[in-house]
Amino acid sequence: MKNFDKRLQAYTLIEITISMLIVSIIIAFAYYSLTTFQNILTAQQHNKRDQYEKELFLFRIQQDIYNSMIIRYNENYLTCTDSSGNIAYSFQDSVILRNQYHLRTDTFKIQHSAPEITYLGHLQNDPIIVKKISLAILNDGKQTPLTIYKQYDAQQLIYPTFYDSYATD
C-alpha cells in the first residue's frame, strides 16, 4: 500500500483572509484617491471653461463695438452695424446670444445683470444711438462690472442712416 501521509503545502484560511483584507484596503484607498483627483480636475475644467467663455464674450463685444459704425439698443437686443451688416446680441436670463450677419455664431452661458444703456441722444431721422453699455457679470455670487464706451466720429453722427444701407434686416 502506498503512503498517503504526504500533505500538500497550502495557505491557511486565516492567511488568505488577511491578504484579502489588505488588498481591499489598498483598493479602497486607490478608489478614493482617484475619485478625489477626478472631482478636482472636473472642477478646474469647469472654472477654465467659464473663464474662457467670459473672456471670449468680452473680446467679441469689445471688437464688435469698436468696429461698428452705429450701435442701437432695443428691448434686450444690442445691434452693432458695421460695413458688412449687423451683429446682434440678445441678452436673455442666463444666456447671451450673438448673431453675426443673421447666423447664430456664439452662445455665451453667462449669468448677467440687465444692461444699462447710456444714449448719445436723438439725431435726425434716427432712433436712439448707444454711447455706453454697462452690465455686471455674475460669477459665484460675485459681480464683475463691465462698461464699454463707443466713440463716434463726426461723419457717423451726421449721416447715421447712411450705414443702414450696409445692414440687411
Protein backbone atom coordinates (compact mmCIF):
# COMPACT_ATOMS: atom_id res chain seq x y z
CA MET A 1 0.00 0.00 0.00
CA LYS A 2 1.01 3.49 -0.75
CA ASN A 3 1.67 6.04 1.92
CA PHE A 4 -1.00 8.79 1.85
CA ASP A 5 0.59 10.67 4.69
CA LYS A 6 2.16 13.24 2.45
CA ARG A 7 0.31 16.52 2.81
CA LEU A 8 0.23 19.36 0.30
CA GLN A 9 1.61 22.65 1.46
CA ALA A 10 -1.01 25.43 1.21
CA TYR A 11 -2.06 28.68 2.79
CA THR A 12 -4.37 28.61 5.75
CA LEU A 13 -7.75 30.24 5.70
CA ILE A 14 -6.59 32.99 8.08
CA GLU A 15 -3.65 33.91 5.84
CA ILE A 16 -5.90 34.20 2.79
CA THR A 17 -8.44 36.32 4.73
CA ILE A 18 -5.75 38.73 5.97
CA SER A 19 -4.25 39.12 2.49
CA MET A 20 -7.71 39.81 1.01
CA LEU A 21 -8.34 42.42 3.72
CA ILE A 22 -5.05 44.18 2.95
CA VAL A 23 -5.78 44.18 -0.80
CA SER A 24 -9.31 45.54 -0.24
CA ILE A 25 -7.94 48.39 1.93
CA ILE A 26 -5.41 49.28 -0.78
CA ILE A 27 -8.13 49.21 -3.48
CA ALA A 28 -10.44 51.38 -1.35
CA PHE A 29 -7.67 53.95 -0.81
CA ALA A 30 -6.83 53.96 -4.55
CA TYR A 31 -10.52 54.42 -5.47
CA TYR A 32 -10.92 57.30 -3.00
CA SER A 33 -7.76 58.98 -4.35
CA LEU A 34 -8.88 58.54 -7.94
CA THR A 35 -12.38 59.96 -7.37
CA THR A 36 -10.99 62.90 -5.38
CA PHE A 37 -8.49 63.69 -8.15
CA GLN A 38 -11.19 63.34 -10.79
CA ASN A 39 -13.53 65.73 -8.92
CA ILE A 40 -10.76 68.32 -8.56
CA LEU A 41 -9.90 68.01 -12.25
CA THR A 42 -13.53 68.37 -13.29
CA ALA A 43 -13.99 71.48 -11.13
CA GLN A 44 -10.86 73.04 -12.64
CA GLN A 45 -12.06 72.29 -16.16
CA HIS A 46 -15.44 73.92 -15.43
CA ASN A 47 -13.74 77.00 -13.99
CA LYS A 48 -11.42 77.27 -17.00
CA ARG A 49 -14.35 76.86 -19.41
CA ASP A 50 -16.36 79.54 -17.60
CA GLN A 51 -13.38 81.89 -17.55
CA TYR A 52 -12.72 81.29 -21.26
CA GLU A 53 -16.36 81.94 -22.10
CA LYS A 54 -16.34 85.25 -20.21
CA GLU A 55 -13.09 86.33 -21.83
CA LEU A 56 -14.40 85.36 -25.28
CA PHE A 57 -17.61 87.33 -24.69
CA LEU A 58 -15.64 90.36 -23.53
CA PHE A 59 -13.31 90.15 -26.54
CA ARG A 60 -16.16 89.73 -29.04
CA ILE A 61 -18.33 92.55 -27.71
CA GLN A 62 -15.38 94.95 -27.44
CA GLN A 63 -14.28 94.16 -31.00
CA ASP A 64 -17.82 94.43 -32.36
CA ILE A 65 -18.43 97.76 -30.66
CA TYR A 66 -15.05 99.12 -31.72
CA ASN A 67 -15.56 98.07 -35.38
CA SER A 68 -19.18 99.17 -35.57
CA MET A 69 -20.30 102.38 -37.13
CA ILE A 70 -23.60 102.69 -35.26
CA ILE A 71 -24.85 100.86 -32.15
CA ARG A 72 -28.52 100.63 -31.25
CA TYR A 73 -30.30 99.01 -28.30
CA ASN A 74 -33.93 97.95 -28.29
CA GLU A 75 -35.64 95.56 -25.84
CA ASN A 76 -32.66 93.40 -24.79
CA TYR A 77 -31.15 93.47 -28.30
CA LEU A 78 -27.90 95.28 -28.92
CA THR A 79 -27.26 95.78 -32.63
CA CYS A 80 -23.83 96.78 -33.94
CA THR A 81 -23.81 97.86 -37.58
CA ASP A 82 -20.54 97.57 -39.44
CA SER A 83 -19.65 97.68 -43.14
CA SER A 84 -20.73 94.04 -43.65
CA GLY A 85 -24.05 94.05 -41.80
CA ASN A 86 -25.49 93.69 -38.33
CA ILE A 87 -24.10 91.87 -35.33
CA ALA A 88 -26.82 91.41 -32.71
CA TYR A 89 -26.52 90.47 -29.06
CA SER A 90 -29.60 89.13 -27.30
CA PHE A 91 -29.46 89.40 -23.50
CA GLN A 92 -31.62 86.65 -22.02
CA ASP A 93 -31.85 85.34 -18.43
CA SER A 94 -28.60 83.38 -18.16
CA VAL A 95 -27.55 83.31 -21.81
CA ILE A 96 -26.21 85.88 -24.24
CA LEU A 97 -26.75 85.02 -27.90
CA ARG A 98 -24.60 86.55 -30.63
CA ASN A 99 -25.87 86.61 -34.21
CA GLN A 100 -23.39 87.73 -36.82
CA TYR A 101 -24.94 88.63 -40.17
CA HIS A 102 -28.07 86.57 -39.45
CA LEU A 103 -26.12 83.49 -38.32
CA ARG A 104 -26.00 82.45 -34.68
CA THR A 105 -22.30 82.24 -34.07
CA ASP A 106 -21.94 82.20 -30.28
CA THR A 107 -23.98 81.26 -27.24
CA PHE A 108 -22.45 82.52 -24.02
CA LYS A 109 -23.78 80.81 -20.89
CA ILE A 110 -23.08 83.76 -18.64
CA GLN A 111 -25.24 85.00 -15.81
CA HIS A 112 -25.51 88.75 -16.04
CA SER A 113 -27.48 91.71 -14.89
CA ALA A 114 -29.69 93.68 -17.23
CA PRO A 115 -27.61 96.00 -19.39
CA GLU A 116 -27.74 99.68 -18.53
CA ILE A 117 -27.53 101.82 -21.61
CA THR A 118 -26.45 105.45 -21.90
CA TYR A 119 -27.68 107.03 -25.10
CA LEU A 120 -25.99 109.65 -27.21
CA GLY A 121 -29.26 111.36 -27.93
CA HIS A 122 -31.75 111.68 -30.74
CA LEU A 123 -30.36 112.50 -34.14
CA GLN A 124 -32.19 113.43 -37.30
CA ASN A 125 -34.36 110.58 -38.61
CA ASP A 126 -32.65 108.07 -36.37
CA PRO A 127 -33.58 106.12 -33.27
CA ILE A 128 -31.55 106.44 -30.11
CA ILE A 129 -27.85 105.64 -30.53
CA VAL A 130 -25.85 103.92 -27.78
CA LYS A 131 -22.93 105.72 -26.17
CA LYS A 132 -22.14 103.42 -23.21
CA ILE A 133 -23.10 99.88 -22.18
CA SER A 134 -22.81 98.74 -18.56
CA LEU A 135 -23.66 95.35 -17.14
CA ALA A 136 -22.45 93.07 -14.37
CA ILE A 137 -21.32 89.52 -14.97
CA LEU A 138 -22.21 87.23 -12.07
CA ASN A 139 -19.71 84.56 -11.02
CA ASP A 140 -20.11 82.51 -7.84
CA GLY A 141 -22.08 85.28 -6.15
CA LYS A 142 -19.56 87.95 -7.17
CA GLN A 143 -20.35 90.72 -9.62
CA THR A 144 -17.77 91.82 -12.16
CA PRO A 145 -18.75 95.16 -13.71
CA LEU A 146 -18.31 95.59 -17.45
CA THR A 147 -18.51 99.01 -19.09
CA ILE A 148 -17.85 99.62 -22.78
CA TYR A 149 -17.85 103.04 -24.43
CA LYS A 150 -18.37 103.84 -28.11
CA GLN A 151 -16.82 106.95 -29.58
CA TYR A 152 -18.29 108.12 -32.86
CA ASP A 153 -16.68 110.32 -35.43
CA ALA A 154 -18.49 113.29 -36.93
CA GLN A 155 -19.41 111.54 -40.17
CA GLN A 156 -21.12 108.71 -38.29
CA LEU A 157 -23.19 111.19 -36.28
CA ILE A 158 -24.17 113.40 -39.23
CA TYR A 159 -25.23 110.54 -41.50
CA PRO A 160 -26.27 107.64 -39.25
CA THR A 161 -28.88 106.34 -41.71
CA PHE A 162 -26.17 106.00 -44.38
CA TYR A 163 -24.78 103.00 -42.50
CA ASP A 164 -28.16 101.28 -42.54
CA SER A 165 -27.68 100.70 -46.27
CA TYR A 166 -24.90 98.23 -45.40
CA ALA A 167 -27.08 96.30 -43.00
CA THR A 168 -29.66 93.92 -44.28
CA ASP A 169 -32.50 93.27 -41.86
